[in-house]
Protein backbone atom coordinates (compact mmCIF):
# COMPACT_ATOMS: atom_id res chain seq x y z
CA UNK A 1 263.55 -15.49 41.14
CA UNK A 2 264.55 -18.05 38.53
CA UNK A 3 267.48 -20.53 39.19
CA UNK A 4 270.90 -19.28 38.50
CA UNK A 5 271.07 -22.01 35.49
CA UNK A 6 268.23 -19.94 33.72
CA UNK A 7 268.90 -16.54 35.10
CA UNK A 8 269.69 -13.84 32.81
CA UNK A 9 272.97 -13.57 33.79
CA UNK A 10 273.99 -16.87 32.97
CA UNK A 11 272.43 -16.26 29.89
CA UNK A 12 274.64 -13.47 29.28
CA UNK A 13 277.68 -15.02 30.31
CA UNK A 14 277.12 -18.12 28.02
CA UNK A 15 276.33 -15.75 25.26
CA UNK A 16 279.34 -13.50 25.62
CA UNK A 17 281.77 -16.58 25.48
CA UNK A 18 280.17 -17.68 22.28
CA UNK A 19 280.29 -14.49 20.49
CA UNK A 20 283.62 -14.18 21.60
CA UNK A 21 284.91 -17.35 20.34
CA UNK A 22 282.99 -16.72 17.16
CA UNK A 23 284.74 -13.68 16.68
CA UNK A 24 287.97 -15.47 17.37
CA UNK A 25 287.09 -18.44 14.94
CA UNK A 26 286.46 -15.45 12.31
CA UNK A 27 289.97 -14.19 13.01
CA UNK A 28 291.58 -17.42 13.11
CA UNK A 29 290.74 -18.32 9.25
CA UNK A 30 292.75 -15.65 7.90
CA UNK A 31 295.54 -16.13 10.45
CA UNK A 32 296.03 -19.69 9.55
CA UNK A 33 295.95 -19.10 5.93
CA UNK A 34 298.88 -16.41 6.42
CA UNK A 35 300.41 -18.42 8.78
CA UNK A 36 300.90 -21.28 6.20
CA UNK A 37 301.88 -18.69 3.23
CA UNK A 38 304.56 -16.77 5.75
CA UNK A 39 306.03 -20.25 6.64
CA UNK A 40 306.41 -21.30 2.86
CA UNK A 41 307.70 -18.01 2.11
CA UNK A 42 310.24 -18.12 4.72
CA UNK A 43 311.58 -21.46 3.25
CA UNK A 44 311.68 -19.85 0.07
CA UNK A 45 313.93 -17.10 1.44
CA UNK A 46 316.10 -19.64 3.35
CA UNK A 47 316.60 -21.66 0.35
CA UNK A 48 317.91 -18.47 -1.80
CA UNK A 49 320.22 -17.98 0.84
CA UNK A 50 321.57 -21.69 0.64
CA UNK A 51 322.42 -21.14 -2.90
CA UNK A 52 324.85 -18.17 -2.17
CA UNK A 53 327.28 -20.78 -1.61
CA UNK A 54 326.91 -22.14 -5.02
CA UNK A 55 327.87 -18.81 -5.98
CA UNK A 56 330.67 -18.38 -3.82
CA UNK A 57 332.26 -21.65 -4.70
CA UNK A 58 334.80 -22.14 -7.35
CA UNK A 59 333.25 -23.56 -10.52
CA UNK A 60 329.75 -23.52 -8.59
CA UNK A 61 330.25 -26.68 -7.19
CA UNK A 62 330.35 -27.65 -3.37
CA UNK A 63 330.73 -31.16 -1.32
CA UNK A 64 327.69 -33.28 -0.93
CA UNK A 65 328.11 -32.84 3.04
CA UNK A 66 328.01 -28.91 2.72
CA UNK A 67 324.94 -28.82 0.27
CA UNK A 68 323.32 -31.50 2.81
CA UNK A 69 323.70 -29.00 5.46
CA UNK A 70 322.61 -26.00 3.51
CA UNK A 71 319.34 -27.65 3.11
CA UNK A 72 318.78 -28.88 6.34
CA UNK A 73 319.41 -25.34 7.82
CA UNK A 74 316.95 -24.20 4.89
CA UNK A 75 314.49 -26.89 5.62
CA UNK A 76 313.87 -27.84 2.54
CA UNK A 77 314.55 -31.10 0.25
CA UNK A 78 315.80 -29.22 -2.63
CA UNK A 79 316.42 -25.94 -4.38
CA UNK A 80 316.18 -24.55 -7.89
CA UNK A 81 316.60 -21.37 -8.93
CA UNK A 82 315.75 -19.85 -12.48
CA UNK A 83 317.29 -16.02 -12.96
CA UNK A 84 316.54 -13.76 -15.93
CA UNK A 85 319.94 -14.55 -17.38
CA UNK A 86 318.75 -17.97 -17.86
CA UNK A 87 320.99 -19.35 -15.46
CA UNK A 88 320.44 -22.38 -13.24
CA UNK A 89 321.31 -23.41 -9.89
CA UNK A 90 320.45 -26.51 -7.76
CA UNK A 91 320.91 -27.89 -4.44
CA UNK A 92 320.02 -31.59 -3.85
CA UNK A 93 318.00 -33.95 -6.00
CA UNK A 94 314.10 -33.46 -6.28
CA UNK A 95 312.27 -36.51 -5.27
CA UNK A 96 310.76 -38.66 -8.09
CA UNK A 97 307.20 -37.99 -7.08
CA UNK A 98 305.60 -35.20 -5.91
CA UNK A 99 302.30 -34.86 -4.12
CA UNK A 100 301.25 -31.52 -4.71
CA UNK A 101 302.48 -28.24 -6.25
CA UNK A 102 302.10 -24.35 -5.02
CA UNK A 103 302.59 -21.35 -6.58
CA UNK A 104 303.15 -18.32 -4.36
CA UNK A 105 303.70 -15.68 -6.91
CA UNK A 106 299.91 -14.13 -7.00
CA UNK A 107 297.99 -16.66 -5.06
CA UNK A 108 294.26 -15.75 -4.37
CA UNK A 109 292.85 -15.32 -0.72
CA UNK A 110 290.47 -18.05 -0.73
CA UNK A 111 293.04 -20.35 -2.34
CA UNK A 112 295.35 -19.42 0.32
CA UNK A 113 292.41 -20.56 3.13
CA UNK A 114 291.51 -23.73 1.27
CA UNK A 115 294.92 -24.73 0.99
CA UNK A 116 295.70 -23.99 4.64
CA UNK A 117 292.82 -26.23 5.91
CA UNK A 118 293.66 -28.96 3.46
CA UNK A 119 296.83 -29.19 5.16
CA UNK A 120 295.54 -29.13 8.73
CA UNK A 121 292.94 -31.96 7.54
CA UNK A 122 295.89 -34.11 5.92
CA UNK A 123 297.39 -37.17 7.81
CA UNK A 124 299.51 -38.45 5.38
CA UNK A 125 303.35 -37.57 4.94
CA UNK A 126 303.42 -35.63 1.89
CA UNK A 127 306.16 -34.08 -0.14
CA UNK A 128 305.21 -30.63 -2.07
CA UNK A 129 306.46 -28.29 -4.49
CA UNK A 130 306.55 -24.84 -3.70
CA UNK A 131 307.28 -21.96 -6.30
CA UNK A 132 307.65 -18.06 -5.65
CA UNK A 133 309.66 -15.19 -6.07
CA UNK A 134 312.91 -14.63 -4.04
CA UNK A 135 312.62 -11.58 -1.12
CA UNK A 136 315.85 -9.57 -2.65
CA UNK A 137 315.29 -10.09 -6.21
CA UNK A 138 311.68 -10.46 -6.86
CA UNK A 139 312.78 -11.42 -10.67
CA UNK A 140 314.21 -14.72 -9.29
CA UNK A 141 312.03 -17.66 -9.32
CA UNK A 142 312.77 -19.98 -6.30
CA UNK A 143 311.65 -23.67 -6.84
CA UNK A 144 311.75 -25.94 -3.48
CA UNK A 145 310.53 -29.11 -2.21
CA UNK A 146 309.64 -29.94 1.57
CA UNK A 147 307.79 -32.53 3.87
CA UNK A 148 304.63 -30.85 4.44
CA UNK A 149 304.32 -32.84 7.96
CA UNK A 150 306.70 -30.21 9.65
CA UNK A 151 304.64 -27.18 8.42
CA UNK A 152 301.67 -29.00 9.55
CA UNK A 153 303.19 -29.60 12.77
CA UNK A 154 303.89 -25.87 13.15
CA UNK A 155 300.21 -25.00 12.02
CA UNK A 156 298.73 -27.28 14.69
CA UNK A 157 301.11 -25.68 17.40
CA UNK A 158 299.97 -22.32 16.14
CA UNK A 159 296.45 -23.35 16.22
CA UNK A 160 296.70 -24.68 19.82
CA UNK A 161 298.18 -21.47 20.85
CA UNK A 162 295.48 -19.25 19.03
CA UNK A 163 292.80 -21.52 20.73
CA UNK A 164 294.20 -20.90 24.06
CA UNK A 165 294.19 -17.29 24.00
CA UNK A 166 290.71 -17.54 22.36
CA UNK A 167 289.75 -19.25 25.41
CA UNK A 168 291.51 -16.97 27.80
CA UNK A 169 290.38 -13.97 26.20
CA UNK A 170 286.69 -15.08 26.12
CA UNK A 171 286.99 -15.74 29.69
CA UNK A 172 288.05 -12.29 30.55
CA UNK A 173 285.67 -10.59 28.32
CA UNK A 174 282.73 -12.61 29.35
CA UNK A 175 283.77 -11.75 33.22
CA UNK A 176 283.97 -8.07 32.38
CA UNK A 177 280.92 -8.16 30.24
CA UNK A 178 279.13 -10.18 33.21
CA UNK A 179 280.06 -7.80 35.51
CA UNK A 180 279.10 -4.65 34.04
CA UNK A 181 275.61 -5.99 32.76
CA UNK A 182 274.88 -7.58 36.11
CA UNK A 183 275.54 -3.90 37.64
CA UNK A 184 273.96 -2.02 35.00
CA UNK A 185 270.88 -4.45 34.04
CA UNK A 186 270.53 -7.52 36.07
CA UNK A 187 270.27 -6.24 39.37
CA UNK A 188 267.72 -3.43 38.28
CA UNK A 189 265.67 -5.65 36.61
CA UNK A 190 265.63 -7.88 39.40
CA UNK A 191 264.61 -5.25 41.90
CA UNK A 192 262.08 -4.18 39.13
CA UNK A 193 261.19 -7.89 39.03
CA UNK A 194 260.70 -8.17 42.74
CA UNK A 195 258.85 -5.14 42.98
CA UNK A 196 256.13 -6.51 40.64
CA UNK A 197 255.85 -9.81 42.65
CA UNK A 198 255.37 -7.76 45.53
CA UNK A 199 252.73 -5.45 43.96
CA UNK A 200 250.95 -8.41 42.67
CA UNK A 201 250.82 -10.17 46.20
CA UNK A 202 249.72 -6.82 47.99
CA UNK A 203 248.69 -3.70 45.63
CA UNK A 204 247.65 -1.71 48.65
CA UNK A 205 250.79 -2.23 50.64
CA UNK A 206 252.48 1.21 49.95
CA UNK A 207 255.61 -0.14 51.84
CA UNK A 208 256.05 -2.23 48.91
CA UNK A 209 256.39 0.49 46.30
CA UNK A 210 259.57 0.46 44.06
CA UNK A 211 261.34 3.69 44.30
CA UNK A 212 262.95 5.43 41.12
CA UNK A 213 266.62 5.19 41.21
CA UNK A 214 267.14 8.58 39.19
CA UNK A 215 268.54 6.93 36.18
CA UNK A 216 268.58 8.59 33.10
CA UNK A 217 268.54 5.58 30.78
CA UNK A 218 266.10 3.28 29.93
CA UNK A 219 266.06 1.25 33.07
CA UNK A 220 265.53 4.29 34.76
CA UNK A 221 262.76 5.57 32.55
CA UNK A 222 261.16 1.79 33.85
CA UNK A 223 261.49 2.47 37.08
CA UNK A 224 260.11 5.84 36.75
CA UNK A 225 256.88 4.67 35.32
CA UNK A 226 256.53 1.41 37.22
CA UNK A 227 256.58 3.83 40.19
CA UNK A 228 254.01 6.01 38.68
CA UNK A 229 252.08 3.21 37.62
CA UNK A 230 252.07 1.80 41.29
CA UNK A 231 250.93 5.17 42.51
CA UNK A 232 248.05 5.32 39.96
CA UNK A 233 246.75 1.80 40.47
CA UNK A 234 246.80 2.46 44.11
CA UNK A 235 244.97 5.45 43.75
CA UNK A 236 242.34 3.72 41.66
CA UNK A 237 242.03 0.62 43.93
CA UNK A 238 241.53 3.08 46.74
CA UNK A 239 238.69 4.72 44.73
CA UNK A 240 237.28 1.33 43.75
CA UNK A 241 237.12 0.21 47.59
CA UNK A 242 235.31 3.17 48.27
CA UNK A 243 233.05 2.98 45.19
CA UNK A 244 232.30 -1.00 46.56
CA UNK A 245 231.65 0.32 49.97
CA UNK A 246 229.22 2.94 48.45
CA UNK A 247 227.43 0.24 46.57
CA UNK A 248 226.91 -1.95 49.58
CA UNK A 249 225.56 1.05 51.51
CA UNK A 250 223.01 2.09 48.40
CA UNK A 251 221.97 -1.46 48.08
CA UNK A 252 220.84 -1.51 51.70
CA UNK A 253 219.45 1.66 51.53
CA UNK A 254 218.15 1.10 48.16
CA UNK A 255 214.81 -0.73 49.51
CA UNK A 256 214.10 1.48 52.03
CA UNK A 257 214.71 4.55 50.04
CA UNK A 258 212.38 2.84 47.45
CA UNK A 259 209.34 2.66 50.15
CA UNK A 260 209.98 6.04 51.07
CA UNK A 261 209.65 7.59 47.46
CA UNK A 262 206.79 5.14 46.56
CA UNK A 263 204.83 6.73 49.42
CA UNK A 264 205.58 10.12 47.96
CA UNK A 265 204.02 8.91 44.70
CA UNK A 266 201.21 8.07 46.49
CA UNK A 267 200.89 11.39 48.40
CA UNK A 268 201.46 13.28 44.54
CA UNK A 269 198.64 11.37 43.37
CA UNK A 270 196.37 12.40 45.56
CA UNK A 271 197.89 16.36 45.04
CA UNK A 272 197.11 15.83 41.23
CA UNK A 273 193.24 15.34 42.41
CA UNK A 274 193.23 18.60 44.28
CA UNK A 275 190.81 21.25 43.26
CA UNK A 276 193.33 23.84 44.12
CA UNK A 277 194.61 25.13 40.66
CA UNK A 278 198.27 25.88 42.04
CA UNK A 279 198.47 22.61 43.61
CA UNK A 280 197.51 20.61 40.44
CA UNK A 281 199.96 23.04 38.69
CA UNK A 282 203.27 21.89 40.90
CA UNK A 283 202.07 18.16 41.29
CA UNK A 284 203.84 17.16 38.03
CA UNK A 285 207.13 18.95 38.96
CA UNK A 286 206.68 17.26 42.26
CA UNK A 287 206.03 13.59 40.29
CA UNK A 288 209.33 14.64 37.82
CA UNK A 289 211.60 15.27 40.99
CA UNK A 290 210.61 11.80 42.69
CA UNK A 291 210.99 9.91 39.20
CA UNK A 292 214.52 11.32 39.07
CA UNK A 293 215.45 10.62 42.57
CA UNK A 294 214.43 6.78 41.50
CA UNK A 295 216.30 6.69 38.55
CA UNK A 296 219.18 8.29 40.19
CA UNK A 297 219.28 5.80 43.12
CA UNK A 298 218.88 2.78 40.31
CA UNK A 299 221.81 3.81 38.26
CA UNK A 300 223.76 4.15 41.38
CA UNK A 301 223.27 0.91 42.32
CA UNK A 302 223.58 -0.50 39.28
CA UNK A 303 227.21 1.37 38.51
CA UNK A 304 228.39 0.14 42.04
CA UNK A 305 227.65 -3.33 40.82
CA UNK A 306 231.25 -4.82 39.87
CA UNK A 307 229.62 -7.44 37.25
CA UNK A 308 229.79 -6.44 33.43
CA UNK A 309 226.11 -6.00 32.10
CA UNK A 310 224.59 -9.34 31.23
CA UNK A 311 223.55 -9.53 27.26
CA UNK A 312 220.90 -11.45 25.86
CA UNK A 313 220.86 -10.45 22.31
CA UNK A 314 218.08 -11.40 19.95
CA UNK A 315 217.15 -10.08 16.74
CA UNK A 316 214.54 -7.46 16.55
CA UNK A 317 213.25 -4.83 14.52
CA UNK A 318 214.81 -1.24 15.64
CA UNK A 319 211.88 1.12 14.33
CA UNK A 320 209.40 -0.43 16.90
CA UNK A 321 211.66 -0.06 19.67
CA UNK A 322 212.72 3.68 19.34
CA UNK A 323 208.89 4.15 19.00
CA UNK A 324 208.32 2.60 22.40
CA UNK A 325 211.45 4.34 23.96
CA UNK A 326 209.43 8.17 22.47
CA UNK A 327 206.13 6.95 24.23
CA UNK A 328 208.25 6.23 27.41
CA UNK A 329 209.47 9.80 27.77
CA UNK A 330 208.06 12.14 30.45
CA UNK A 331 206.57 15.38 28.97
CA UNK A 332 209.02 18.41 28.85
CA UNK A 333 208.96 20.87 31.58
CA UNK A 334 208.12 23.71 29.62
CA UNK A 335 206.95 23.55 25.88
CA UNK A 336 206.75 20.82 23.60
CA UNK A 337 208.92 17.67 23.05
CA UNK A 338 208.89 16.34 19.47
CA UNK A 339 210.34 12.77 19.01
CA UNK A 340 210.88 12.07 15.40
CA UNK A 341 211.86 8.26 14.42
CA UNK A 342 213.13 8.07 10.81
CA UNK A 343 214.63 4.25 11.66
CA UNK A 344 213.74 2.56 8.29
CA UNK A 345 211.00 0.29 9.06
CA UNK A 346 213.14 -2.91 7.84
CA UNK A 347 216.29 -2.34 9.77
CA UNK A 348 217.09 -5.31 11.87
CA UNK A 349 219.79 -5.34 14.74
CA UNK A 350 220.87 -8.09 16.89
CA UNK A 351 221.16 -6.70 20.57
CA UNK A 352 219.87 -6.78 24.10
CA UNK A 353 216.22 -5.33 23.62
CA UNK A 354 215.81 -4.25 27.07
CA UNK A 355 219.44 -2.93 27.24
CA UNK A 356 219.50 -0.96 24.05
CA UNK A 357 216.03 0.18 25.01
CA UNK A 358 217.81 1.62 28.23
CA UNK A 359 220.46 3.39 26.53
CA UNK A 360 218.02 5.19 23.97
CA UNK A 361 215.87 5.93 27.02
CA UNK A 362 218.74 7.40 28.72
CA UNK A 363 219.82 9.59 25.88
CA UNK A 364 216.28 10.82 25.12
CA UNK A 365 215.97 11.62 28.95
CA UNK A 366 219.08 13.96 28.80
CA UNK A 367 218.21 15.42 25.76
CA UNK A 368 214.49 16.38 27.35
CA UNK A 369 215.59 17.49 30.41
CA UNK A 370 218.62 20.03 28.64
CA UNK A 371 216.18 21.54 26.00
CA UNK A 372 212.68 21.94 28.12
CA UNK A 373 210.70 21.37 24.74
CA UNK A 374 212.22 21.32 21.26
CA UNK A 375 212.97 18.05 18.62
CA UNK A 376 214.77 14.56 19.27
CA UNK A 377 215.65 13.26 16.02
CA UNK A 378 216.63 9.31 15.87
CA UNK A 379 217.93 8.11 12.61
CA UNK A 380 219.83 4.72 11.78
CA UNK A 381 221.58 3.45 8.87
CA UNK A 382 224.15 0.30 8.11
CA UNK A 383 227.75 0.86 6.97
CA UNK A 384 231.29 -1.35 6.95
CA UNK A 385 229.50 -3.92 8.62
CA UNK A 386 228.04 -1.94 11.62
CA UNK A 387 224.75 -0.23 12.36
CA UNK A 388 224.89 3.07 13.79
CA UNK A 389 222.10 4.81 15.53
CA UNK A 390 222.17 8.62 15.54
CA UNK A 391 220.20 10.43 18.84
CA UNK A 392 220.20 14.28 17.90
CA UNK A 393 218.38 17.08 19.61
CA UNK A 394 217.84 20.75 19.21
CA UNK A 395 219.09 21.67 22.39
CA UNK A 396 221.95 24.45 23.67
CA UNK A 397 224.51 22.09 23.43
CA UNK A 398 227.24 20.59 25.94
CA UNK A 399 229.87 22.66 27.70
CA UNK A 400 233.40 22.19 26.79
CA UNK A 401 234.37 20.84 30.50
CA UNK A 402 231.39 18.55 30.18
CA UNK A 403 232.74 16.87 26.63
CA UNK A 404 236.03 16.39 28.25
CA UNK A 405 234.65 13.95 30.94
CA UNK A 406 231.60 13.15 29.36
CA UNK A 407 231.93 8.84 30.10
CA UNK A 408 233.16 9.54 33.41
CA UNK A 409 231.10 8.59 36.52
CA UNK A 410 230.42 11.51 38.98
CA UNK A 411 232.90 13.48 37.34
CA UNK A 412 229.89 15.88 36.40
CA UNK A 413 227.83 16.59 33.56
CA UNK A 414 225.85 19.24 32.12
CA UNK A 415 223.02 16.66 32.49
CA UNK A 416 223.00 15.09 35.52
CA UNK A 417 225.52 12.84 37.60
CA UNK A 418 227.02 11.29 34.19
CA UNK A 419 226.00 7.72 35.55
CA UNK A 420 223.76 7.30 32.97
CA UNK A 421 225.95 7.74 30.24
CA UNK A 422 228.92 5.85 31.89
CA UNK A 423 226.51 3.03 32.24
CA UNK A 424 225.53 3.42 28.51
CA UNK A 425 228.99 2.79 27.38
CA UNK A 426 229.40 -0.19 29.09
CA UNK A 427 226.32 -1.61 27.86
CA UNK A 428 227.42 -0.74 24.37
CA UNK A 429 230.64 -2.02 24.59
CA UNK A 430 229.53 -5.31 26.37
CA UNK A 431 227.61 -5.56 22.84
CA UNK A 432 230.77 -5.07 20.86
CA UNK A 433 229.88 -1.71 19.98
CA UNK A 434 230.28 1.51 21.18
CA UNK A 435 228.73 5.25 22.30
CA UNK A 436 230.23 8.75 20.89
CA UNK A 437 229.58 12.14 20.90
CA UNK A 438 229.85 13.14 17.48
CA UNK A 439 228.95 17.06 17.72
CA UNK A 440 227.47 19.24 20.20
CA UNK A 441 227.03 23.17 19.66
CA UNK A 442 224.53 25.99 19.78
CA UNK A 443 222.33 23.91 17.02
CA UNK A 444 222.12 20.77 19.39
CA UNK A 445 223.62 17.66 20.23
CA UNK A 446 224.57 14.25 18.38
CA UNK A 447 225.29 11.04 19.92
CA UNK A 448 226.14 8.29 18.23
CA UNK A 449 225.28 4.52 19.10
CA UNK A 450 227.37 1.72 16.89
CA UNK A 451 226.04 -2.21 16.91
CA UNK A 452 228.18 -4.82 15.13
CA UNK A 453 226.02 -6.67 12.45
CA UNK A 454 225.72 -10.27 13.13
């Protein structure tokens, strides 16, 4: 398992905190702009209320002490009112110099954000002028001056509160998300990971198998598929272990069996020289049976070897190879066998000549055994950077059950054990090509070999 700092849980925790803080930042930007706007609007409203004392005073004049007290309570330095009737009221004297002016009558959103961050980044003690409509009488414009430092202090205090709240919310959210994700995802993923490690260490130990929890989500599907994969792989490993044992056994008896069959060949050769007509008639059948026994023994031994076919490619003409295969085929048990070589005389291929000879010979023998007399047609052409060799016969075709398991060893075949086709497929794929069944019906069977053009 990874260290806690590099675990999935730790990363989820850190990412949750970062995402929550990012969300709080996105909330903070319009919030601080709104806070500044509200602060200034409240100063305008307080200044508007302070001017009511002027309306109530005789001749609109109040004492300097009262005027100063009203300005302090409103939090402004001076107030001016402009009314539709052109009347003008004023408290205090505006400063001789102003650092900035802001009109709050119809501010744009981006301007509010820009001005808010400008205040936060300002360190000088500035005096600003703010204009905006009164709350009660919007037709009245209020014009005030005030020290920006007090507003900046209030904005910084608001920012710290937002920051503290953001940290608390992010920690609580991260803890809740961490607990839920750890329970729903991390724990089952760790269990699956531990199962993978245990399976790698001892793939045949059934006691380490991961059992599905029965969940209906993606984790449950992974558990179910992993459990099924373990069972399938264990079955495949058991089968391959048995095949390996079979290969060792066949290897041990192969030498003795060949000696026994060689003796049978000698006996059959003597029988072929017999003068008795019935003996001479049955001797070729005996020879064919012995040849098939030797071939089956050799194929079983070759397939039991786990190494890939050794390929020694060379460049050669294909037509002479096909002719050699035709000359090597045994005669049909009944009837005549016609071998038609239609490969172009100039067609060159790059492959292991012996291995390709073996593949074509195996297909030719299968066709010969199936037809008991008939025609085998071999043709070849080059297309899209590959050489295709077609081997067709005029036999009765393959049953449907045999086609589904055609290249599986020992799975059953209408033309033998299936080892020949399985080995042929391994040889062709070792060349970078393949073998496939193009068609098989009552008119015959067509196999296609494909080789890359080098």
